[in-house]
Amino acid sequence: MELRKINEIIISSRNILFNNEVNDTVISSLEEVLICWREIEVDSSRNILKYCIGEALQQIKQSKLTSAGRVLNLIHNLPLSLEGLNNWDLDYFISMELPNFLEHFEEINNSRDISLYVFQQISNQYFNSALLNR
């Protein structure tokens, strides 16, 4: 699966869920991303997508569609390629995307666990890169 297709699936699924709807295409497409997750070149994004899409699918099964949509919204802009990582704005993610997610913590199942996992993975990615570049 092309990396661009993964982004498209996440964004279109998020949009459908935000309309408080779900269909078989959303579920099967997200499951397809889970099958192809190894193709993602950026370690932190690969781990985050696997975790968060699994979480979103669980929430869909529990009919918590807005919560699942918010989880997908958090990850929709993560870099999937090494080139994308070089162009990705980490500061924007930390100052805009994550606070937007946390602003709705009461609506989101497992918001704390998801936030901590995302921070852990991104921190590992950047700290490991910084150590290698010393």
C-alpha atoms as a PDB file:
ATOM      1  CA  MET A   1       0.000   0.000   0.000  1.00  0.00           C
ATOM      2  CA  GLU A   2       1.301   3.457  -0.846  1.00  0.00           C
ATOM      3  CA  LEU A   3       2.036   5.711   2.110  1.00  0.00           C
ATOM      4  CA  ARG A   4      -0.190   8.391   0.582  1.00  0.00           C
ATOM      5  CA  LYS A   5      -3.055   5.872   0.601  1.00  0.00           C
ATOM      6  CA  ILE A   6      -2.560   5.313   4.355  1.00  0.00           C
ATOM      7  CA  ASN A   7      -2.986   9.065   4.960  1.00  0.00           C
ATOM      8  CA  GLU A   8      -6.074   9.132   2.752  1.00  0.00           C
ATOM      9  CA  ILE A   9      -7.655   6.248   4.675  1.00  0.00           C
ATOM     10  CA  ILE A  10      -6.995   7.902   8.032  1.00  0.00           C
ATOM     11  CA  ILE A  11      -8.397  11.262   6.902  1.00  0.00           C
ATOM     12  CA  SER A  12     -11.480   9.883   5.154  1.00  0.00           C
ATOM     13  CA  SER A  13     -12.237   7.554   8.075  1.00  0.00           C
ATOM     14  CA  ARG A  14     -11.867  10.439  10.503  1.00  0.00           C
ATOM     15  CA  ASN A  15     -14.258  12.576   8.472  1.00  0.00           C
ATOM     16  CA  ILE A  16     -16.891   9.843   8.364  1.00  0.00           C
ATOM     17  CA  LEU A  17     -16.569   9.203  12.110  1.00  0.00           C
ATOM     18  CA  PHE A  18     -16.863  12.925  12.871  1.00  0.00           C
ATOM     19  CA  ASN A  19     -20.246  12.804  11.123  1.00  0.00           C
ATOM     20  CA  ASN A  20     -21.178  10.170  13.717  1.00  0.00           C
ATOM     21  CA  GLU A  21     -21.359   7.525  11.026  1.00  0.00           C
ATOM     22  CA  VAL A  22     -19.471   4.346  10.261  1.00  0.00           C
ATOM     23  CA  ASN A  23     -19.545   1.853   7.422  1.00  0.00           C
ATOM     24  CA  ASP A  24     -17.821  -1.364   6.446  1.00  0.00           C
ATOM     25  CA  THR A  25     -15.368   0.571   4.288  1.00  0.00           C
ATOM     26  CA  VAL A  26     -14.049   2.512   7.293  1.00  0.00           C
ATOM     27  CA  ILE A  27     -13.458  -0.645   9.295  1.00  0.00           C
ATOM     28  CA  SER A  28     -11.967  -2.677   6.435  1.00  0.00           C
ATOM     29  CA  SER A  29      -9.741   0.213   5.321  1.00  0.00           C
ATOM     30  CA  LEU A  30      -8.360   0.771   8.821  1.00  0.00           C
ATOM     31  CA  GLU A  31      -7.805  -2.979   9.184  1.00  0.00           C
ATOM     32  CA  GLU A  32      -5.945  -2.911   5.860  1.00  0.00           C
ATOM     33  CA  VAL A  33      -3.638  -0.195   7.221  1.00  0.00           C
ATOM     34  CA  LEU A  34      -2.900  -2.423  10.218  1.00  0.00           C
ATOM     35  CA  ILE A  35      -1.875  -5.202   7.845  1.00  0.00           C
ATOM     36  CA  CYS A  36       0.477  -2.874   5.927  1.00  0.00           C
ATOM     37  CA  TRP A  37       1.851  -0.896   8.885  1.00  0.00           C
ATOM     38  CA  ARG A  38       5.385  -2.251   8.379  1.00  0.00           C
ATOM     39  CA  GLU A  39       5.665  -0.222   5.169  1.00  0.00           C
ATOM     40  CA  ILE A  40       5.755   3.019   7.178  1.00  0.00           C
ATOM     41  CA  GLU A  41       9.376   4.215   7.154  1.00  0.00           C
ATOM     42  CA  VAL A  42       9.352   6.320  10.328  1.00  0.00           C
ATOM     43  CA  ASP A  43       9.638   4.145  13.438  1.00  0.00           C
ATOM     44  CA  SER A  44       7.658   6.398  15.752  1.00  0.00           C
ATOM     45  CA  SER A  45       4.852   6.919  13.244  1.00  0.00           C
ATOM     46  CA  ARG A  46       4.700   3.193  12.487  1.00  0.00           C
ATOM     47  CA  ASN A  47       4.281   2.381  16.182  1.00  0.00           C
ATOM     48  CA  ILE A  48       1.823   5.219  16.815  1.00  0.00           C
ATOM     49  CA  LEU A  49      -0.374   4.313  13.851  1.00  0.00           C
ATOM     50  CA  LYS A  50      -0.464   0.654  14.819  1.00  0.00           C
ATOM     51  CA  TYR A  51      -1.461   1.542  18.391  1.00  0.00           C
ATOM     52  CA  CYS A  52      -3.915   4.328  17.582  1.00  0.00           C
ATOM     53  CA  ILE A  53      -5.661   2.599  14.688  1.00  0.00           C
ATOM     54  CA  GLY A  54      -6.105  -0.459  16.889  1.00  0.00           C
ATOM     55  CA  GLU A  55      -7.554   1.819  19.559  1.00  0.00           C
ATOM     56  CA  ALA A  56      -9.846   3.548  17.045  1.00  0.00           C
ATOM     57  CA  LEU A  57     -11.150   0.198  15.782  1.00  0.00           C
ATOM     58  CA  GLN A  58     -11.955  -0.870  19.346  1.00  0.00           C
ATOM     59  CA  GLN A  59     -13.824   2.370  19.915  1.00  0.00           C
ATOM     60  CA  ILE A  60     -15.759   1.959  16.666  1.00  0.00           C
ATOM     61  CA  LYS A  61     -16.853  -1.498  17.821  1.00  0.00           C
ATOM     62  CA  GLN A  62     -18.091   0.136  21.041  1.00  0.00           C
ATOM     63  CA  SER A  63     -19.992   2.766  18.970  1.00  0.00           C
ATOM     64  CA  LYS A  64     -17.764   5.574  20.304  1.00  0.00           C
ATOM     65  CA  LEU A  65     -17.444   7.127  16.883  1.00  0.00           C
ATOM     66  CA  THR A  66     -16.467  10.681  17.850  1.00  0.00           C
ATOM     67  CA  SER A  67     -13.790   9.326  20.171  1.00  0.00           C
ATOM     68  CA  ALA A  68     -12.413   7.134  17.378  1.00  0.00           C
ATOM     69  CA  GLY A  69     -12.475  10.121  15.020  1.00  0.00           C
ATOM     70  CA  ARG A  70     -10.478  12.211  17.484  1.00  0.00           C
ATOM     71  CA  VAL A  71      -7.857   9.469  17.761  1.00  0.00           C
ATOM     72  CA  LEU A  72      -7.511   9.416  13.971  1.00  0.00           C
ATOM     73  CA  ASN A  73      -7.402  13.211  13.896  1.00  0.00           C
ATOM     74  CA  LEU A  74      -4.415  13.139  16.244  1.00  0.00           C
ATOM     75  CA  ILE A  75      -2.418  10.914  13.894  1.00  0.00           C
ATOM     76  CA  HIS A  76      -3.589  12.127  10.479  1.00  0.00           C
ATOM     77  CA  ASN A  77      -0.531  14.321   9.890  1.00  0.00           C
ATOM     78  CA  LEU A  78       2.253  12.098  11.180  1.00  0.00           C
ATOM     79  CA  PRO A  79       5.166  11.631   8.776  1.00  0.00           C
ATOM     80  CA  LEU A  80       5.162   8.197   7.168  1.00  0.00           C
ATOM     81  CA  SER A  81       8.283   8.502   5.003  1.00  0.00           C
ATOM     82  CA  LEU A  82      11.798   9.589   5.916  1.00  0.00           C
ATOM     83  CA  GLU A  83      11.409  12.504   3.513  1.00  0.00           C
ATOM     84  CA  GLY A  84       8.164  13.435   5.249  1.00  0.00           C
ATOM     85  CA  LEU A  85       9.930  13.316   8.607  1.00  0.00           C
ATOM     86  CA  ASN A  86      12.452  15.898   7.401  1.00  0.00           C
ATOM     87  CA  ASN A  87       9.597  18.232   6.427  1.00  0.00           C
ATOM     88  CA  TRP A  88       7.343  17.526   9.403  1.00  0.00           C
ATOM     89  CA  ASP A  89       6.749  20.345  11.879  1.00  0.00           C
ATOM     90  CA  LEU A  90       7.107  18.764  15.313  1.00  0.00           C
ATOM     91  CA  ASP A  91       6.509  22.104  17.030  1.00  0.00           C
ATOM     92  CA  TYR A  92       3.155  22.462  15.270  1.00  0.00           C
ATOM     93  CA  PHE A  93       2.168  18.953  16.330  1.00  0.00           C
ATOM     94  CA  ILE A  94       3.069  19.636  19.965  1.00  0.00           C
ATOM     95  CA  SER A  95       1.514  23.103  20.070  1.00  0.00           C
ATOM     96  CA  MET A  96      -1.635  22.501  17.987  1.00  0.00           C
ATOM     97  CA  GLU A  97      -2.501  18.867  17.243  1.00  0.00           C
ATOM     98  CA  LEU A  98      -1.859  17.422  20.687  1.00  0.00           C
ATOM     99  CA  PRO A  99      -3.586  20.246  22.624  1.00  0.00           C
ATOM    100  CA  ASN A 100      -6.591  19.927  20.300  1.00  0.00           C
ATOM    101  CA  PHE A 101      -6.724  16.224  21.161  1.00  0.00           C
ATOM    102  CA  LEU A 102      -6.357  16.875  24.892  1.00  0.00           C
ATOM    103  CA  GLU A 103      -8.972  19.629  24.806  1.00  0.00           C
ATOM    104  CA  HIS A 104     -11.539  16.880  24.226  1.00  0.00           C
ATOM    105  CA  PHE A 105     -10.127  14.371  26.713  1.00  0.00           C
ATOM    106  CA  GLU A 106     -13.539  13.795  28.304  1.00  0.00           C
ATOM    107  CA  GLU A 107     -14.930  12.596  24.956  1.00  0.00           C
ATOM    108  CA  ILE A 108     -12.007  10.289  24.173  1.00  0.00           C
ATOM    109  CA  ASN A 109     -11.622   6.828  25.624  1.00  0.00           C
ATOM    110  CA  ASN A 110      -8.088   6.228  26.914  1.00  0.00           C
ATOM    111  CA  SER A 111      -6.981   9.774  26.059  1.00  0.00           C
ATOM    112  CA  ARG A 112      -4.256   9.720  28.703  1.00  0.00           C
ATOM    113  CA  ASP A 113      -2.796   6.404  27.551  1.00  0.00           C
ATOM    114  CA  ILE A 114      -2.926   7.470  23.915  1.00  0.00           C
ATOM    115  CA  SER A 115      -1.253  10.827  24.657  1.00  0.00           C
ATOM    116  CA  LEU A 116       1.506   9.254  26.717  1.00  0.00           C
ATOM    117  CA  TYR A 117       2.167   6.598  24.094  1.00  0.00           C
ATOM    118  CA  VAL A 118       2.354   9.185  21.313  1.00  0.00           C
ATOM    119  CA  PHE A 119       4.737  11.359  23.362  1.00  0.00           C
ATOM    120  CA  GLN A 120       6.881   8.356  24.227  1.00  0.00           C
ATOM    121  CA  GLN A 121       7.239   7.289  20.609  1.00  0.00           C
ATOM    122  CA  ILE A 122       7.975  10.784  19.319  1.00  0.00           C
ATOM    123  CA  SER A 123      10.450  11.404  22.144  1.00  0.00           C
ATOM    124  CA  ASN A 124      12.236   8.150  21.359  1.00  0.00           C
ATOM    125  CA  GLN A 125      12.416   9.074  17.669  1.00  0.00           C
ATOM    126  CA  TYR A 126      13.898  12.515  18.323  1.00  0.00           C
ATOM    127  CA  PHE A 127      16.169  11.606  21.217  1.00  0.00           C
ATOM    128  CA  ASN A 128      17.599   8.654  19.311  1.00  0.00           C
ATOM    129  CA  SER A 129      18.146  10.844  16.235  1.00  0.00           C
ATOM    130  CA  ALA A 130      19.822  13.533  18.342  1.00  0.00           C
ATOM    131  CA  LEU A 131      22.138  10.979  19.946  1.00  0.00           C
ATOM    132  CA  LEU A 132      23.118   9.544  16.568  1.00  0.00           C
ATOM    133  CA  ASN A 133      23.897  13.007  15.205  1.00  0.00           C
ATOM    134  CA  ARG A 134      26.279  13.954  18.018  1.00  0.00           C
END
